[in-house]
Amino acid sequence: MKPHNKSICVIGLGRLGANIAYNLQQNGYVIDTIITRDKKHLPDVFPELKTIKIYEKPEEVENYPEITLISVKDSLIHEFAERISTCDNLEEKHFLHFSGANDSTLLNPLKEKSGYTGSLHPLYSFPVGYKTQIPEGIMFTFEGDKNTESKAKEIASTLKGTFRNIELNKKGLYHLAASFAANLSLGMQSIGSELMEKALGESDDEYREAIAVLMHSVAESVRTNRWAEALNGPIKRGDRETIQKHLSALEEINDEDLKNTYHLMKKRLERILENS
């Protein structure tokens, strides 16, 4: 579904903001206004740059378009909302921020100016770069004004994603879930790379690539199977001999944090199998 001349403003052109804007532009949205201090990537990401109004400060915008997407650090969202609220003609305009952990109350200064507000979070780790063709199937979670929900749904649909509503007071729990699945998973992968170095010698780039391939295969299995079915390895097989080799290696390394992490994750995987 391609929208008809949906004009948007994008505030902040980091990985998330730039890639969302780029993909929306590729699917019929019109980038009317950009607010950013970093202009070096603009010509590459937005070929029709001459038609876009560009500002460095949100309070400088003369007339915000129908939809504004706010992609700045969480700690700056409320400040930007206050600065935007000093502008005129905000009535019935829609303002969405992309924070996964924070709710739409950060945008209350805009609500007080009769604007509609919401938070829309894409459950996706955007790679380095500004013109990534984002994949289908990203889950977008939304909370906020009913009037803005339809705009958020249309953005998710345009990007071929799924859409879920979330209660305002569940945002922290939701973001914790995402952190376990992504950020903390990256930490586990870095542990794997360090242990590879101990076993095979230094070659960080090679092991990082090898682990990325391994994790891709795990992710594909998780995508098409339930947790217990996707699980592979000695815990799934009940291979006590191999598990004992792991424990012996941990004793040699003599790192209590690694030992505790291994035992914690081992118990978690055993629970998955028990509940299957």
Protein backbone atom coordinates (compact mmCIF):
# COMPACT_ATOMS: atom_id res chain seq x y z
CA MET A 1 0.00 0.00 0.00
CA LYS A 2 1.49 3.34 -1.04
CA PRO A 3 0.25 6.47 0.71
CA HIS A 4 -0.68 9.50 -1.33
CA ASN A 5 1.65 12.42 -0.66
CA LYS A 6 1.98 11.89 3.08
CA SER A 7 4.25 14.73 4.10
CA ILE A 8 6.57 14.09 7.00
CA CYS A 9 9.21 15.87 9.03
CA VAL A 10 12.17 13.88 10.34
CA ILE A 11 14.08 15.09 13.38
CA GLY A 12 17.45 13.39 13.81
CA LEU A 13 19.30 11.43 11.14
CA GLY A 14 21.07 8.69 13.03
CA ARG A 15 20.80 5.08 11.88
CA LEU A 16 17.13 4.76 12.82
CA GLY A 17 15.85 8.14 11.66
CA ALA A 18 17.73 8.17 8.35
CA ASN A 19 16.85 4.59 7.43
CA ILE A 20 13.17 4.94 8.34
CA ALA A 21 12.97 8.19 6.35
CA TYR A 22 14.79 6.65 3.38
CA ASN A 23 12.48 3.63 3.27
CA LEU A 24 9.34 5.72 3.67
CA GLN A 25 10.50 7.97 0.86
CA GLN A 26 11.03 4.90 -1.34
CA ASN A 27 7.42 3.95 -0.68
CA GLY A 28 5.60 7.16 -1.47
CA TYR A 29 6.03 9.40 1.55
CA VAL A 30 7.21 12.94 0.91
CA ILE A 31 10.08 14.20 3.07
CA ASP A 32 8.93 17.77 3.61
CA THR A 33 11.24 18.86 6.42
CA ILE A 34 14.46 17.63 8.03
CA ILE A 35 15.90 18.88 11.30
CA THR A 36 19.53 17.90 11.79
CA ARG A 37 22.91 19.39 12.60
CA ASP A 38 24.73 16.71 10.57
CA LYS A 39 24.15 17.44 6.89
CA LYS A 40 26.97 15.42 5.31
CA HIS A 41 24.80 12.40 4.45
CA LEU A 42 21.80 14.35 3.15
CA PRO A 43 22.67 14.40 -0.59
CA ASP A 44 23.30 10.65 -0.63
CA VAL A 45 20.17 9.64 1.29
CA PHE A 46 17.74 12.17 -0.18
CA PRO A 47 18.30 12.73 -3.91
CA GLU A 48 15.49 15.33 -4.11
CA LEU A 49 17.24 17.49 -1.54
CA LYS A 50 16.32 20.78 -3.24
CA THR A 51 12.64 20.23 -2.42
CA ILE A 52 13.25 19.55 1.29
CA LYS A 53 13.22 22.27 3.94
CA ILE A 54 16.25 21.80 6.20
CA TYR A 55 16.70 23.31 9.65
CA GLU A 56 19.17 22.89 12.48
CA LYS A 57 16.72 23.76 15.27
CA PRO A 58 13.13 22.53 15.75
CA GLU A 59 11.89 25.95 16.84
CA GLU A 60 12.88 27.41 13.44
CA VAL A 61 10.25 25.47 11.46
CA GLU A 62 7.54 27.76 10.14
CA ASN A 63 4.91 25.10 9.49
CA TYR A 64 5.23 21.45 10.52
CA PRO A 65 3.76 18.92 8.06
CA GLU A 66 1.07 16.39 8.93
CA ILE A 67 3.45 13.88 10.57
CA THR A 68 6.70 14.47 12.49
CA LEU A 69 9.01 11.58 13.37
CA ILE A 70 11.33 12.31 16.28
CA SER A 71 14.49 10.20 16.29
CA VAL A 72 16.77 11.70 18.93
CA LYS A 73 18.32 10.37 22.14
CA ASP A 74 15.72 9.42 24.72
CA SER A 75 17.08 12.05 27.10
CA LEU A 76 16.39 14.78 24.51
CA ILE A 77 12.84 13.86 23.44
CA HIS A 78 11.03 16.02 26.00
CA GLU A 79 13.36 18.95 25.34
CA PHE A 80 12.65 18.74 21.60
CA ALA A 81 8.91 18.56 22.29
CA GLU A 82 9.15 21.74 24.35
CA ARG A 83 11.10 23.49 21.61
CA ILE A 84 8.64 22.40 18.90
CA SER A 85 5.76 23.61 21.10
CA THR A 86 6.97 27.20 20.69
CA CYS A 87 5.98 27.03 17.02
CA ASP A 88 2.59 27.94 15.56
CA ASN A 89 0.05 25.78 13.73
CA LEU A 90 0.58 22.52 15.63
CA GLU A 91 -3.12 21.77 16.01
CA GLU A 92 -4.10 18.27 14.83
CA LYS A 93 -0.56 17.54 13.66
CA HIS A 94 0.87 14.11 14.54
CA PHE A 95 4.12 13.66 16.48
CA LEU A 96 5.75 10.26 16.99
CA HIS A 97 8.96 9.41 18.80
CA PHE A 98 10.83 6.14 18.28
CA SER A 99 11.92 5.32 21.84
CA GLY A 100 11.37 1.72 22.89
CA ALA A 101 11.68 2.40 26.62
CA ASN A 102 9.83 5.72 26.96
CA ASP A 103 6.17 6.51 26.39
CA SER A 104 4.33 9.31 24.63
CA THR A 105 3.97 11.49 27.75
CA LEU A 106 7.40 12.90 26.84
CA LEU A 107 5.53 14.70 24.06
CA ASN A 108 2.95 16.31 26.38
CA PRO A 109 4.09 19.86 25.49
CA LEU A 110 2.78 19.14 21.98
CA LYS A 111 -0.46 17.67 23.27
CA GLU A 112 -0.97 20.91 25.19
CA LYS A 113 -0.80 22.71 21.82
CA SER A 114 -3.60 20.45 20.48
CA GLY A 115 -1.21 18.13 18.67
CA TYR A 116 -1.63 14.35 18.59
CA THR A 117 1.18 12.22 20.01
CA GLY A 118 2.43 8.67 20.21
CA SER A 119 5.48 6.43 20.50
CA LEU A 120 6.25 4.01 17.67
CA HIS A 121 9.14 1.60 18.13
CA PRO A 122 10.55 -0.67 15.40
CA LEU A 123 11.90 -3.89 16.92
CA TYR A 124 14.97 -3.96 14.73
CA SER A 125 18.69 -3.29 15.13
CA PHE A 126 19.54 -0.90 12.32
CA PRO A 127 22.98 -1.57 10.81
CA VAL A 128 25.65 1.04 10.21
CA GLY A 129 24.66 3.12 7.19
CA TYR A 130 21.87 5.40 6.05
CA LYS A 131 20.27 3.67 3.05
CA THR A 132 19.50 0.18 4.32
CA GLN A 133 16.58 -1.57 2.67
CA ILE A 134 14.91 -2.72 5.85
CA PRO A 135 13.44 -6.24 5.79
CA GLU A 136 9.80 -7.21 5.89
CA GLY A 137 8.28 -8.43 9.12
CA ILE A 138 9.63 -5.88 11.62
CA MET A 139 7.26 -5.54 14.57
CA PHE A 140 6.24 -1.98 15.39
CA THR A 141 4.79 -1.28 18.85
CA PHE A 142 2.61 1.76 19.43
CA GLU A 143 1.01 3.62 22.29
CA GLY A 144 -0.55 7.07 22.20
CA ASP A 145 -3.52 8.99 20.85
CA LYS A 146 -6.16 7.12 18.85
CA ASN A 147 -5.94 9.79 16.17
CA THR A 148 -2.25 9.05 15.72
CA GLU A 149 -2.64 5.26 15.81
CA SER A 150 -3.91 5.19 12.22
CA LYS A 151 -0.83 7.14 11.06
CA ALA A 152 1.46 4.75 12.95
CA LYS A 153 -0.32 1.73 11.46
CA GLU A 154 0.10 3.13 7.98
CA ILE A 155 3.84 3.63 8.52
CA ALA A 156 4.21 0.03 9.75
CA SER A 157 2.13 -1.27 6.84
CA THR A 158 4.09 0.79 4.29
CA LEU A 159 7.31 -0.75 5.62
CA LYS A 160 5.70 -4.22 5.45
CA GLY A 161 5.93 -4.64 9.19
CA THR A 162 3.53 -5.95 11.82
CA PHE A 163 1.77 -3.72 14.33
CA ARG A 164 1.05 -4.18 18.02
CA ASN A 165 -0.40 -1.86 20.64
CA ILE A 166 1.35 -1.66 23.99
CA GLU A 167 0.14 -0.27 27.30
CA LEU A 168 1.90 2.88 28.39
CA ASN A 169 3.16 1.33 31.64
CA LYS A 170 4.61 -1.74 29.87
CA LYS A 171 7.20 0.11 27.78
CA GLY A 172 10.04 -0.56 30.24
CA LEU A 173 9.29 -4.29 30.33
CA TYR A 174 9.03 -4.39 26.54
CA HIS A 175 12.41 -2.70 26.12
CA LEU A 176 13.95 -5.07 28.66
CA ALA A 177 12.72 -7.96 26.50
CA ALA A 178 14.32 -6.38 23.43
CA SER A 179 17.57 -5.83 25.31
CA PHE A 180 17.76 -9.48 26.35
CA ALA A 181 17.11 -10.59 22.78
CA ALA A 182 19.51 -8.18 21.09
CA ASN A 183 21.98 -6.15 23.18
CA LEU A 184 22.69 -8.85 25.76
CA SER A 185 22.83 -11.42 22.98
CA LEU A 186 25.59 -9.34 21.39
CA GLY A 187 27.44 -9.55 24.70
CA MET A 188 27.16 -13.34 24.60
CA GLN A 189 28.53 -13.35 21.06
CA SER A 190 31.52 -11.25 22.16
CA ILE A 191 32.20 -13.84 24.88
CA GLY A 192 32.15 -16.52 22.19
CA SER A 193 34.67 -14.54 20.15
CA GLU A 194 36.99 -14.12 23.15
CA LEU A 195 36.85 -17.84 23.90
CA MET A 196 37.58 -18.59 20.24
CA GLU A 197 40.74 -16.51 20.57
CA LYS A 198 41.81 -18.51 23.60
CA ALA A 199 41.22 -21.76 21.69
CA LEU A 200 42.52 -20.81 18.23
CA GLY A 201 44.68 -17.71 18.64
CA GLU A 202 44.02 -14.06 17.88
CA SER A 203 41.92 -13.24 14.82
CA ASP A 204 38.99 -11.14 16.00
CA ASP A 205 37.56 -10.28 12.56
CA GLU A 206 37.49 -13.91 11.44
CA TYR A 207 35.76 -15.13 14.59
CA ARG A 208 33.29 -12.25 14.57
CA GLU A 209 32.31 -13.17 11.01
CA ALA A 210 32.09 -16.87 11.87
CA ILE A 211 29.92 -16.16 14.91
CA ALA A 212 27.68 -13.86 12.84
CA VAL A 213 27.10 -16.73 10.39
CA LEU A 214 26.40 -19.07 13.29
CA MET A 215 23.92 -16.63 14.86
CA HIS A 216 22.20 -16.13 11.53
CA SER A 217 21.53 -19.86 11.38
CA VAL A 218 20.18 -19.77 14.94
CA ALA A 219 17.94 -16.82 14.11
CA GLU A 220 16.56 -18.58 11.04
CA SER A 221 15.80 -21.66 13.13
CA VAL A 222 14.06 -19.55 15.78
CA ARG A 223 12.03 -17.83 13.06
CA THR A 224 10.54 -21.08 11.81
CA ASN A 225 10.41 -23.25 14.94
CA ARG A 226 9.37 -23.11 18.57
CA TRP A 227 12.12 -22.53 21.12
CA ALA A 228 12.69 -26.18 22.05
CA GLU A 229 12.66 -27.25 18.40
CA ALA A 230 15.13 -24.53 17.46
CA LEU A 231 17.53 -25.50 20.23
CA ASN A 232 20.54 -27.58 19.25
CA GLY A 233 23.67 -28.74 21.08
CA PRO A 234 24.64 -30.85 24.11
CA ILE A 235 21.87 -29.67 26.45
CA LYS A 236 19.24 -30.65 23.89
CA ARG A 237 20.94 -34.02 23.37
CA GLY A 238 21.52 -34.64 27.07
CA ASP A 239 25.23 -34.99 26.28
CA ARG A 240 26.71 -34.89 29.79
CA GLU A 241 30.23 -35.67 28.59
CA THR A 242 30.37 -32.55 26.40
CA ILE A 243 28.81 -30.41 29.12
CA GLN A 244 31.52 -31.65 31.50
CA LYS A 245 34.16 -30.56 28.99
CA HIS A 246 32.59 -27.09 29.02
CA LEU A 247 32.74 -27.03 32.82
CA SER A 248 36.37 -28.16 32.82
CA ALA A 249 37.28 -25.42 30.34
CA LEU A 250 35.56 -22.88 32.58
CA GLU A 251 37.61 -24.10 35.52
CA GLU A 252 40.80 -23.57 33.52
CA ILE A 253 39.76 -20.03 32.55
CA ASN A 254 38.92 -19.32 36.18
CA ASP A 255 36.42 -16.53 35.47
CA GLU A 256 33.54 -16.56 37.98
CA ASP A 257 31.36 -14.29 35.85
CA LEU A 258 31.65 -16.68 32.89
CA LYS A 259 30.89 -19.67 35.12
CA ASN A 260 27.80 -17.99 36.52
CA THR A 261 26.67 -16.94 33.04
CA TYR A 262 27.08 -20.48 31.69
CA HIS A 263 25.14 -22.05 34.57
CA LEU A 264 22.38 -19.43 34.32
CA MET A 265 21.90 -19.99 30.58
CA LYS A 266 22.17 -23.77 30.99
CA LYS A 267 19.29 -23.68 33.50
CA ARG A 268 17.28 -21.49 31.15
CA LEU A 269 17.70 -23.90 28.25
CA GLU A 270 16.82 -26.86 30.46
CA ARG A 271 13.63 -25.06 31.48
CA ILE A 272 12.75 -24.51 27.82
CA LEU A 273 13.07 -28.24 27.20
CA GLU A 274 11.06 -29.11 30.32
CA ASN A 275 8.20 -26.84 29.24
CA SER A 276 8.09 -28.05 25.65
